[in-house]
Amino acid sequence: LDGCVLLEEYKTPTGYQGKSLNIFNKASGKWHQTWT
């Protein structure tokens, strides 16, 4: 997304996997991560 967001894609040998979206929220001055 034009360098605004970091996408994490995680996988294990046992089949577990997850993803996160990470962004700096300029309005709050904080980093935010949503993991699923």
Full PDB file with SEQRES, HELIX, SHEET, SSBOND, CRYST1, ORIGX, SCALE, CONECT and MASTER records, all heavy atoms in Angstrom:
SEQRES   1 A   36  LEU ASP GLY CYS VAL LEU LEU GLU GLU TYR LYS THR PRO          
SEQRES   2 A   36  THR GLY TYR GLN GLY LYS SER LEU ASN ILE PHE ASN LYS          
SEQRES   3 A   36  ALA SER GLY LYS TRP HIS GLN THR TRP THR                      
SHEET    1 AA1 3 LEU A   6  LYS A  11  0                                        
SHEET    2 AA1 3 GLN A  17  ASN A  25 -1                                        
SHEET    3 AA1 3 LYS A  30  TRP A  35 -1                                        
CRYST1    1.000    1.000    1.000  90.00  90.00  90.00 P 1           1          
ORIGX1      1.000000  0.000000  0.000000        0.00000                         
ORIGX2      0.000000  1.000000  0.000000        0.00000                         
ORIGX3      0.000000  0.000000  1.000000        0.00000                         
SCALE1      1.000000  0.000000  0.000000        0.00000                         
SCALE2      0.000000  1.000000  0.000000        0.00000                         
SCALE3      0.000000  0.000000  1.000000        0.00000                         
ATOM      1  N   LEU A   1       0.823  -1.213   0.000  1.00  0.00           N  
ATOM      2  CA  LEU A   1       0.000   0.000   0.000  1.00  0.00           C  
ATOM      3  C   LEU A   1       0.860   1.267   0.000  1.00  0.00           C  
ATOM      4  O   LEU A   1       0.786   2.100   0.900  1.00  0.00           O  
ATOM      5  CB  LEU A   1      -0.994  -0.015   1.166  1.00  0.00           C  
ATOM      6  CG  LEU A   1      -1.941  -1.226   1.185  1.00  0.00           C  
ATOM      7  CD1 LEU A   1      -2.811  -1.212   2.421  1.00  0.00           C  
ATOM      8  CD2 LEU A   1      -2.795  -1.260  -0.077  1.00  0.00           C  
ATOM      9  N   ASP A   2       1.692   1.371  -1.037  1.00  0.00           N  
ATOM     10  CA  ASP A   2       2.558   2.534  -1.247  1.00  0.00           C  
ATOM     11  C   ASP A   2       3.506   2.799  -0.084  1.00  0.00           C  
ATOM     12  O   ASP A   2       3.829   3.942   0.226  1.00  0.00           O  
ATOM     13  CB  ASP A   2       1.725   3.788  -1.555  1.00  0.00           C  
ATOM     14  CG  ASP A   2       0.936   3.664  -2.847  1.00  0.00           C  
ATOM     15  OD1 ASP A   2       1.426   2.983  -3.781  1.00  0.00           O  
ATOM     16  OD2 ASP A   2      -0.164   4.234  -2.926  1.00  0.00           O  
ATOM     17  N   GLY A   3       3.942   1.736   0.579  1.00  0.00           N  
ATOM     18  CA  GLY A   3       4.902   1.872   1.667  1.00  0.00           C  
ATOM     19  C   GLY A   3       4.301   2.283   2.987  1.00  0.00           C  
ATOM     20  O   GLY A   3       5.031   2.555   3.937  1.00  0.00           O  
ATOM     21  N   CYS A   4       2.989   2.318   3.093  1.00  0.00           N  
ATOM     22  CA  CYS A   4       2.338   2.734   4.335  1.00  0.00           C  
ATOM     23  C   CYS A   4       2.161   1.586   5.328  1.00  0.00           C  
ATOM     24  O   CYS A   4       2.025   1.824   6.526  1.00  0.00           O  
ATOM     25  CB  CYS A   4       0.962   3.331   4.030  1.00  0.00           C  
ATOM     26  SG  CYS A   4       1.037   4.909   3.145  1.00  0.00           S  
ATOM     27  N   VAL A   5       2.147   0.343   4.851  1.00  0.00           N  
ATOM     28  CA  VAL A   5       1.775  -0.798   5.676  1.00  0.00           C  
ATOM     29  C   VAL A   5       2.824  -1.896   5.541  1.00  0.00           C  
ATOM     30  O   VAL A   5       3.347  -2.141   4.461  1.00  0.00           O  
ATOM     31  CB  VAL A   5       0.393  -1.346   5.243  1.00  0.00           C  
ATOM     32  CG1 VAL A   5       0.004  -2.585   6.028  1.00  0.00           C  
ATOM     33  CG2 VAL A   5      -0.679  -0.269   5.387  1.00  0.00           C  
ATOM     34  N   LEU A   6       3.104  -2.572   6.656  1.00  0.00           N  
ATOM     35  CA  LEU A   6       3.917  -3.782   6.622  1.00  0.00           C  
ATOM     36  C   LEU A   6       2.977  -4.977   6.720  1.00  0.00           C  
ATOM     37  O   LEU A   6       2.111  -5.031   7.598  1.00  0.00           O  
ATOM     38  CB  LEU A   6       4.890  -3.837   7.802  1.00  0.00           C  
ATOM     39  CG  LEU A   6       6.022  -2.823   7.819  1.00  0.00           C  
ATOM     40  CD1 LEU A   6       6.913  -3.056   9.037  1.00  0.00           C  
ATOM     41  CD2 LEU A   6       6.845  -2.887   6.561  1.00  0.00           C  
ATOM     42  N   LEU A   7       3.171  -5.933   5.811  1.00  0.00           N  
ATOM     43  CA  LEU A   7       2.394  -7.175   5.811  1.00  0.00           C  
ATOM     44  C   LEU A   7       3.303  -8.299   6.288  1.00  0.00           C  
ATOM     45  O   LEU A   7       4.380  -8.514   5.735  1.00  0.00           O  
ATOM     46  CB  LEU A   7       1.889  -7.497   4.400  1.00  0.00           C  
ATOM     47  CG  LEU A   7       1.281  -8.895   4.196  1.00  0.00           C  
ATOM     48  CD1 LEU A   7      -0.011  -9.059   5.004  1.00  0.00           C  
ATOM     49  CD2 LEU A   7       1.032  -9.147   2.717  1.00  0.00           C  
ATOM     50  N   GLU A   8       2.873  -9.001   7.329  1.00  0.00           N  
ATOM     51  CA  GLU A   8       3.586 -10.178   7.823  1.00  0.00           C  
ATOM     52  C   GLU A   8       2.830 -11.419   7.370  1.00  0.00           C  
ATOM     53  O   GLU A   8       1.615 -11.500   7.520  1.00  0.00           O  
ATOM     54  CB  GLU A   8       3.639 -10.148   9.352  1.00  0.00           C  
ATOM     55  CG  GLU A   8       4.175 -11.432   9.961  1.00  0.00           C  
ATOM     56  CD  GLU A   8       4.012 -11.489  11.473  1.00  0.00           C  
ATOM     57  OE1 GLU A   8       3.221 -10.707  12.024  1.00  0.00           O  
ATOM     58  OE2 GLU A   8       4.675 -12.335  12.077  1.00  0.00           O  
ATOM     59  N   GLU A   9       3.577 -12.402   6.839  1.00  0.00           N  
ATOM     60  CA  GLU A   9       3.007 -13.684   6.444  1.00  0.00           C  
ATOM     61  C   GLU A   9       3.843 -14.771   7.114  1.00  0.00           C  
ATOM     62  O   GLU A   9       4.994 -14.998   6.739  1.00  0.00           O  
ATOM     63  CB  GLU A   9       3.030 -13.832   4.926  1.00  0.00           C  
ATOM     64  CG  GLU A   9       2.224 -12.741   4.229  1.00  0.00           C  
ATOM     65  CD  GLU A   9       2.370 -12.782   2.734  1.00  0.00           C  
ATOM     66  OE1 GLU A   9       3.345 -12.171   2.231  1.00  0.00           O  
ATOM     67  OE2 GLU A   9       1.532 -13.414   2.074  1.00  0.00           O  
ATOM     68  N   TYR A  10       3.260 -15.436   8.104  1.00  0.00           N  
ATOM     69  CA  TYR A  10       3.980 -16.407   8.935  1.00  0.00           C  
ATOM     70  C   TYR A  10       3.426 -17.805   8.695  1.00  0.00           C  
ATOM     71  O   TYR A  10       2.205 -17.991   8.623  1.00  0.00           O  
ATOM     72  CB  TYR A  10       3.819 -16.025  10.416  1.00  0.00           C  
ATOM     73  CG  TYR A  10       4.540 -16.938  11.369  1.00  0.00           C  
ATOM     74  CD1 TYR A  10       5.920 -16.867  11.509  1.00  0.00           C  
ATOM     75  CD2 TYR A  10       3.854 -17.875  12.126  1.00  0.00           C  
ATOM     76  CE1 TYR A  10       6.598 -17.703  12.390  1.00  0.00           C  
ATOM     77  CE2 TYR A  10       4.525 -18.709  13.011  1.00  0.00           C  
ATOM     78  CZ  TYR A  10       5.896 -18.618  13.133  1.00  0.00           C  
ATOM     79  OH  TYR A  10       6.556 -19.447  14.001  1.00  0.00           O  
ATOM     80  N   LYS A  11       4.317 -18.791   8.573  1.00  0.00           N  
ATOM     81  CA  LYS A  11       3.920 -20.185   8.369  1.00  0.00           C  
ATOM     82  C   LYS A  11       4.825 -21.087   9.188  1.00  0.00           C  
ATOM     83  O   LYS A  11       6.015 -20.810   9.341  1.00  0.00           O  
ATOM     84  CB  LYS A  11       4.060 -20.592   6.894  1.00  0.00           C  
ATOM     85  CG  LYS A  11       3.158 -19.848   5.958  1.00  0.00           C  
ATOM     86  CD  LYS A  11       3.389 -20.292   4.528  1.00  0.00           C  
ATOM     87  CE  LYS A  11       2.498 -19.477   3.594  1.00  0.00           C  
ATOM     88  NZ  LYS A  11       2.673 -19.843   2.191  1.00  0.00           N  
ATOM     89  N   THR A  12       4.258 -22.192   9.697  1.00  0.00           N  
ATOM     90  CA  THR A  12       5.054 -23.178  10.421  1.00  0.00           C  
ATOM     91  C   THR A  12       5.053 -24.500   9.662  1.00  0.00           C  
ATOM     92  O   THR A  12       4.169 -24.737   8.824  1.00  0.00           O  
ATOM     93  CB  THR A  12       4.499 -23.430  11.839  1.00  0.00           C  
ATOM     94  OG1 THR A  12       3.263 -24.151  11.731  1.00  0.00           O  
ATOM     95  CG2 THR A  12       4.295 -22.134  12.598  1.00  0.00           C  
ATOM     96  N   PRO A  13       5.992 -25.386   9.977  1.00  0.00           N  
ATOM     97  CA  PRO A  13       6.015 -26.701   9.340  1.00  0.00           C  
ATOM     98  C   PRO A  13       4.791 -27.558   9.685  1.00  0.00           C  
ATOM     99  O   PRO A  13       4.467 -28.497   8.966  1.00  0.00           O  
ATOM    100  CB  PRO A  13       7.291 -27.352   9.897  1.00  0.00           C  
ATOM    101  CG  PRO A  13       8.132 -26.232  10.383  1.00  0.00           C  
ATOM    102  CD  PRO A  13       7.171 -25.161  10.812  1.00  0.00           C  
ATOM    103  N   THR A  14       4.095 -27.227  10.771  1.00  0.00           N  
ATOM    104  CA  THR A  14       2.928 -28.015  11.200  1.00  0.00           C  
ATOM    105  C   THR A  14       1.621 -27.535  10.580  1.00  0.00           C  
ATOM    106  O   THR A  14       0.569 -28.095  10.866  1.00  0.00           O  
ATOM    107  CB  THR A  14       2.797 -27.991  12.734  1.00  0.00           C  
ATOM    108  OG1 THR A  14       2.622 -26.627  13.161  1.00  0.00           O  
ATOM    109  CG2 THR A  14       4.022 -28.580  13.405  1.00  0.00           C  
ATOM    110  N   GLY A  15       1.667 -26.473   9.749  1.00  0.00           N  
ATOM    111  CA  GLY A  15       0.463 -25.986   9.087  1.00  0.00           C  
ATOM    112  C   GLY A  15      -0.154 -24.744   9.705  1.00  0.00           C  
ATOM    113  O   GLY A  15      -1.075 -24.150   9.141  1.00  0.00           O  
ATOM    114  N   TYR A  16       0.317 -24.341  10.878  1.00  0.00           N  
ATOM    115  CA  TYR A  16      -0.179 -23.097  11.475  1.00  0.00           C  
ATOM    116  C   TYR A  16       0.302 -21.941  10.615  1.00  0.00           C  
ATOM    117  O   TYR A  16       1.442 -21.913  10.151  1.00  0.00           O  
ATOM    118  CB  TYR A  16       0.356 -22.939  12.906  1.00  0.00           C  
ATOM    119  CG  TYR A  16      -0.003 -21.623  13.537  1.00  0.00           C  
ATOM    120  CD1 TYR A  16      -1.275 -21.393  14.044  1.00  0.00           C  
ATOM    121  CD2 TYR A  16       0.924 -20.597  13.623  1.00  0.00           C  
ATOM    122  CE1 TYR A  16      -1.613 -20.183  14.619  1.00  0.00           C  
ATOM    123  CE2 TYR A  16       0.601 -19.378  14.199  1.00  0.00           C  
ATOM    124  CZ  TYR A  16      -0.673 -19.179  14.692  1.00  0.00           C  
ATOM    125  OH  TYR A  16      -0.998 -17.969  15.256  1.00  0.00           O  
ATOM    126  N   GLN A  17      -0.580 -20.963  10.397  1.00  0.00           N  
ATOM    127  CA  GLN A  17      -0.186 -19.767   9.672  1.00  0.00           C  
ATOM    128  C   GLN A  17      -1.009 -18.570  10.122  1.00  0.00           C  
ATOM    129  O   GLN A  17      -2.124 -18.721  10.627  1.00  0.00           O  
ATOM    130  CB  GLN A  17      -0.278 -19.961   8.167  1.00  0.00           C  
ATOM    131  CG  GLN A  17      -1.586 -20.488   7.647  1.00  0.00           C  
ATOM    132  CD  GLN A  17      -1.491 -20.790   6.162  1.00  0.00           C  
ATOM    133  OE1 GLN A  17      -0.991 -19.964   5.390  1.00  0.00           O  
ATOM    134  NE2 GLN A  17      -1.970 -21.933   5.749  1.00  0.00           N  
ATOM    135  N   GLY A  18      -0.408 -17.408   9.957  1.00  0.00           N  
ATOM    136  CA  GLY A  18      -1.089 -16.181  10.324  1.00  0.00           C  
ATOM    137  C   GLY A  18      -0.534 -15.016   9.538  1.00  0.00           C  
ATOM    138  O   GLY A  18       0.519 -15.120   8.894  1.00  0.00           O  
ATOM    139  N   LYS A  19      -1.260 -13.916   9.603  1.00  0.00           N  
ATOM    140  CA  LYS A  19      -0.849 -12.696   8.907  1.00  0.00           C  
ATOM    141  C   LYS A  19      -1.131 -11.499   9.806  1.00  0.00           C  
ATOM    142  O   LYS A  19      -2.074 -11.510  10.587  1.00  0.00           O  
ATOM    143  CB  LYS A  19      -1.599 -12.535   7.586  1.00  0.00           C  
ATOM    144  CG  LYS A  19      -1.262 -13.615   6.585  1.00  0.00           C  
ATOM    145  CD  LYS A  19      -1.926 -13.381   5.265  1.00  0.00           C  
ATOM    146  CE  LYS A  19      -1.552 -14.527   4.334  1.00  0.00           C  
ATOM    147  NZ  LYS A  19      -1.919 -14.274   2.970  1.00  0.00           N  
ATOM    148  N   SER A  20      -0.307 -10.482   9.630  1.00  0.00           N  
ATOM    149  CA  SER A  20      -0.575  -9.233  10.348  1.00  0.00           C  
ATOM    150  C   SER A  20      -0.402  -8.058   9.414  1.00  0.00           C  
ATOM    151  O   SER A  20       0.354  -8.110   8.447  1.00  0.00           O  
ATOM    152  CB  SER A  20       0.336  -9.084  11.570  1.00  0.00           C  
ATOM    153  OG  SER A  20       1.658  -8.766  11.200  1.00  0.00           O  
ATOM    154  N   LEU A  21      -1.156  -7.009   9.717  1.00  0.00           N  
ATOM    155  CA  LEU A  21      -1.008  -5.708   9.072  1.00  0.00           C  
ATOM    156  C   LEU A  21      -0.494  -4.760  10.141  1.00  0.00           C  
ATOM    157  O   LEU A  21      -1.017  -4.731  11.263  1.00  0.00           O  
ATOM    158  CB  LEU A  21      -2.344  -5.207   8.525  1.00  0.00           C  
ATOM    159  CG  LEU A  21      -2.936  -6.010   7.376  1.00  0.00           C  
ATOM    160  CD1 LEU A  21      -4.327  -5.507   7.038  1.00  0.00           C  
ATOM    161  CD2 LEU A  21      -2.037  -5.964   6.147  1.00  0.00           C  
ATOM    162  N   ASN A  22       0.529  -3.987   9.806  1.00  0.00           N  
ATOM    163  CA  ASN A  22       1.189  -3.097  10.754  1.00  0.00           C  
ATOM    164  C   ASN A  22       1.291  -1.712  10.136  1.00  0.00           C  
ATOM    165  O   ASN A  22       1.757  -1.575   9.004  1.00  0.00           O  
ATOM    166  CB  ASN A  22       2.601  -3.617  11.047  1.00  0.00           C  
ATOM    167  CG  ASN A  22       2.584  -5.026  11.572  1.00  0.00           C  
ATOM    168  OD1 ASN A  22       2.557  -5.243  12.762  1.00  0.00           O  
ATOM    169  ND2 ASN A  22       2.580  -6.015  10.674  1.00  0.00           N  
ATOM    170  N   ILE A  23       0.880  -0.698  10.900  1.00  0.00           N  
ATOM    171  CA  ILE A  23       0.927   0.672  10.380  1.00  0.00           C  
ATOM    172  C   ILE A  23       1.150   1.654  11.529  1.00  0.00           C  
ATOM    173  O   ILE A  23       0.706   1.431  12.655  1.00  0.00           O  
ATOM    174  CB  ILE A  23      -0.371   1.045   9.616  1.00  0.00           C  
ATOM    175  CG1 ILE A  23      -0.219   2.401   8.916  1.00  0.00           C  
ATOM    176  CG2 ILE A  23      -1.582   0.997  10.532  1.00  0.00           C  
ATOM    177  CD1 ILE A  23      -1.309   2.706   7.899  1.00  0.00           C  
ATOM    178  N   PHE A  24       1.858   2.722  11.210  1.00  0.00           N  
ATOM    179  CA  PHE A  24       1.981   3.831  12.144  1.00  0.00           C  
ATOM    180  C   PHE A  24       0.737   4.692  11.989  1.00  0.00           C  
ATOM    181  O   PHE A  24       0.402   5.124  10.888  1.00  0.00           O  
ATOM    182  CB  PHE A  24       3.236   4.662  11.858  1.00  0.00           C  
ATOM    183  CG  PHE A  24       3.369   5.845  12.768  1.00  0.00           C  
ATOM    184  CD1 PHE A  24       3.742   5.671  14.094  1.00  0.00           C  
ATOM    185  CD2 PHE A  24       3.099   7.113  12.311  1.00  0.00           C  
ATOM    186  CE1 PHE A  24       3.840   6.756  14.947  1.00  0.00           C  
ATOM    187  CE2 PHE A  24       3.214   8.211  13.147  1.00  0.00           C  
ATOM    188  CZ  PHE A  24       3.582   8.027  14.468  1.00  0.00           C  
ATOM    189  N   ASN A  25       0.036   4.923  13.083  1.00  0.00           N  
ATOM    190  CA  ASN A  25      -1.173   5.743  13.078  1.00  0.00           C  
ATOM    191  C   ASN A  25      -0.759   7.173  13.436  1.00  0.00           C  
ATOM    192  O   ASN A  25      -0.506   7.475  14.604  1.00  0.00           O  
ATOM    193  CB  ASN A  25      -2.192   5.197  14.079  1.00  0.00           C  
ATOM    194  CG  ASN A  25      -3.484   5.972  14.094  1.00  0.00           C  
ATOM    195  OD1 ASN A  25      -3.553   7.127  13.666  1.00  0.00           O  
ATOM    196  ND2 ASN A  25      -4.519   5.345  14.599  1.00  0.00           N  
ATOM    197  N   LYS A  26      -0.682   8.005  12.439  1.00  0.00           N  
ATOM    198  CA  LYS A  26      -0.216   9.379  12.644  1.00  0.00           C  
ATOM    199  C   LYS A  26      -1.112  10.148  13.621  1.00  0.00           C  
ATOM    200  O   LYS A  26      -0.630  10.965  14.403  1.00  0.00           O  
ATOM    201  CB  LYS A  26      -0.145  10.101  11.295  1.00  0.00           C  
ATOM    202  CG  LYS A  26       0.647  11.363  11.328  1.00  0.00           C  
ATOM    203  CD  LYS A  26       0.875  11.891   9.922  1.00  0.00           C  
ATOM    204  CE  LYS A  26       1.788  13.078   9.933  1.00  0.00           C  
ATOM    205  NZ  LYS A  26       2.093  13.529   8.577  1.00  0.00           N  
ATOM    206  N   ALA A  27      -2.413   9.865  13.595  1.00  0.00           N  
ATOM    207  CA  ALA A  27      -3.351  10.582  14.466  1.00  0.00           C  
ATOM    208  C   ALA A  27      -3.079  10.296  15.945  1.00  0.00           C  
ATOM    209  O   ALA A  27      -3.145  11.200  16.776  1.00  0.00           O  
ATOM    210  CB  ALA A  27      -4.789  10.211  14.119  1.00  0.00           C  
ATOM    211  N   SER A  28      -2.755   9.053  16.286  1.00  0.00           N  
ATOM    212  CA  SER A  28      -2.514   8.696  17.686  1.00  0.00           C  
ATOM    213  C   SER A  28      -1.033   8.732  18.050  1.00  0.00           C  
ATOM    214  O   SER A  28      -0.682   8.728  19.227  1.00  0.00           O  
ATOM    215  CB  SER A  28      -3.055   7.294  17.979  1.00  0.00           C  
ATOM    216  OG  SER A  28      -2.288   6.306  17.299  1.00  0.00           O  
ATOM    217  N   GLY A  29      -0.153   8.726  17.033  1.00  0.00           N  
ATOM    218  CA  GLY A  29       1.280   8.677  17.301  1.00  0.00           C  
ATOM    219  C   GLY A  29       1.743   7.297  17.739  1.00  0.00           C  
ATOM    220  O   GLY A  29       2.818   7.154  18.313  1.00  0.00           O  
ATOM    221  N   LYS A  30       0.947   6.279  17.457  1.00  0.00           N  
ATOM    222  CA  LYS A  30       1.248   4.908  17.890  1.00  0.00           C  
ATOM    223  C   LYS A  30       1.296   3.966  16.691  1.00  0.00           C  
ATOM    224  O   LYS A  30       0.683   4.214  15.665  1.00  0.00           O  
ATOM    225  CB  LYS A  30       0.154   4.388  18.837  1.00  0.00           C  
ATOM    226  CG  LYS A  30      -0.062   5.212  20.069  1.00  0.00           C  
ATOM    227  CD  LYS A  30       0.845   4.776  21.152  1.00  0.00           C  
ATOM    228  CE  LYS A  30       0.515   5.536  22.434  1.00  0.00           C  
ATOM    229  NZ  LYS A  30       1.442   5.269  23.475  1.00  0.00           N  
ATOM    230  N   TRP A  31       2.009   2.863  16.863  1.00  0.00           N  
ATOM    231  CA  TRP A  31       1.985   1.768  15.906  1.00  0.00           C  
ATOM    232  C   TRP A  31       0.803   0.871  16.217  1.00  0.00           C  
ATOM    233  O   TRP A  31       0.419   0.713  17.386  1.00  0.00           O  
ATOM    234  CB  TRP A  31       3.283   0.967  15.977  1.00  0.00           C  
ATOM    235  CG  TRP A  31       4.342   1.570  15.114  1.00  0.00           C  
ATOM    236  CD1 TRP A  31       5.239   2.531  15.466  1.00  0.00           C  
ATOM    237  CD2 TRP A  31       4.579   1.258  13.749  1.00  0.00           C  
ATOM    238  NE1 TRP A  31       6.027   2.853  14.386  1.00  0.00           N  
ATOM    239  CE2 TRP A  31       5.643   2.073  13.325  1.00  0.00           C  
ATOM    240  CE3 TRP A  31       4.009   0.377  12.833  1.00  0.00           C  
ATOM    241  CZ2 TRP A  31       6.144   2.033  12.030  1.00  0.00           C  
ATOM    242  CZ3 TRP A  31       4.508   0.327  11.542  1.00  0.00           C  
ATOM    243  CH2 TRP A  31       5.560   1.154  11.159  1.00  0.00           C  
ATOM    244  N   HIS A  32       0.235   0.277  15.182  1.00  0.00           N  
ATOM    245  CA  HIS A  32      -0.913  -0.618  15.344  1.00  0.00           C  
ATOM    246  C   HIS A  32      -0.645  -1.903  14.564  1.00  0.00           C  
ATOM    247  O   HIS A  32      -0.143  -1.857  13.450  1.00  0.00           O  
ATOM    248  CB  HIS A  32      -2.182   0.050  14.818  1.00  0.00           C  
ATOM    249  CG  HIS A  32      -3.392  -0.811  14.916  1.00  0.00           C  
ATOM    250  ND1 HIS A  32      -4.141  -0.900  16.061  1.00  0.00           N  
ATOM    251  CD2 HIS A  32      -3.945  -1.652  14.031  1.00  0.00           C  
ATOM    252  CE1 HIS A  32      -5.128  -1.752  15.856  1.00  0.00           C  
ATOM    253  NE2 HIS A  32      -5.028  -2.227  14.626  1.00  0.00           N  
ATOM    254  N   GLN A  33      -0.968  -3.033  15.177  1.00  0.00           N  
ATOM    255  CA  GLN A  33      -0.884  -4.322  14.493  1.00  0.00           C  
ATOM    256  C   GLN A  33      -2.203  -5.057  14.671  1.00  0.00           C  
ATOM    257  O   GLN A  33      -2.750  -5.112  15.769  1.00  0.00           O  
ATOM    258  CB  GLN A  33       0.235  -5.207  15.050  1.00  0.00           C  
ATOM    259  CG  GLN A  33       0.328  -6.554  14.333  1.00  0.00           C  
ATOM    260  CD  GLN A  33       1.382  -7.481  14.895  1.00  0.00           C  
ATOM    261  OE1 GLN A  33       1.099  -8.255  15.794  1.00  0.00           O  
ATOM    262  NE2 GLN A  33       2.600  -7.380  14.377  1.00  0.00           N  
ATOM    263  N   THR A  34      -2.697  -5.629  13.574  1.00  0.00           N  
ATOM    264  CA  THR A  34      -3.830  -6.548  13.616  1.00  0.00           C  
ATOM    265  C   THR A  34      -3.329  -7.892  13.122  1.00  0.00           C  
ATOM    266  O   THR A  34      -2.859  -8.008  11.994  1.00  0.00           O  
ATOM    267  CB  THR A  34      -4.992  -6.054  12.728  1.00  0.00           C  
ATOM    268  OG1 THR A  34      -5.443  -4.799  13.234  1.00  0.00           O  
ATOM    269  CG2 THR A  34      -6.146  -7.044  12.744  1.00  0.00           C  
ATOM    270  N   TRP A  35      -3.382  -8.902  14.003  1.00  0.00           N  
ATOM    271  CA  TRP A  35      -2.919 -10.258  13.705  1.00  0.00           C  
ATOM    272  C   TRP A  35      -4.127 -11.184  13.623  1.00  0.00           C  
ATOM    273  O   TRP A  35      -5.025 -11.116  14.473  1.00  0.00           O  
ATOM    274  CB  TRP A  35      -1.985 -10.750  14.806  1.00  0.00           C  
ATOM    275  CG  TRP A  35      -1.728 -12.221  14.767  1.00  0.00           C  
ATOM    276  CD1 TRP A  35      -2.396 -13.190  15.454  1.00  0.00           C  
ATOM    277  CD2 TRP A  35      -0.748 -12.912  13.984  1.00  0.00           C  
ATOM    278  NE1 TRP A  35      -1.886 -14.434  15.151  1.00  0.00           N  
ATOM    279  CE2 TRP A  35      -0.874 -14.287  14.243  1.00  0.00           C  
ATOM    280  CE3 TRP A  35       0.227 -12.487  13.078  1.00  0.00           C  
ATOM    281  CZ2 TRP A  35      -0.061 -15.240  13.635  1.00  0.00           C  
ATOM    282  CZ3 TRP A  35       1.033 -13.441  12.484  1.00  0.00           C  
ATOM    283  CH2 TRP A  35       0.893 -14.791  12.764  1.00  0.00           C  
ATOM    284  N   THR A  36      -4.152 -12.025  12.597  1.00  0.00           N  
ATOM    285  CA  THR A  36      -5.166 -13.072  12.478  1.00  0.00           C  
ATOM    286  C   THR A  36      -4.462 -14.350  12.066  1.00  0.00           C  
ATOM    287  O   THR A  36      -3.394 -14.315  11.442  1.00  0.00           O  
ATOM    288  CB  THR A  36      -6.249 -12.720  11.441  1.00  0.00           C  
ATOM    289  OG1 THR A  36      -5.628 -12.501  10.176  1.00  0.00           O  
ATOM    290  CG2 THR A  36      -7.023 -11.481  11.842  1.00  0.00           C  
TER     291      THR A  36                                                      
MASTER        0    0    0    0    3    0    0    6  290    1    0    3          
END                                                                             
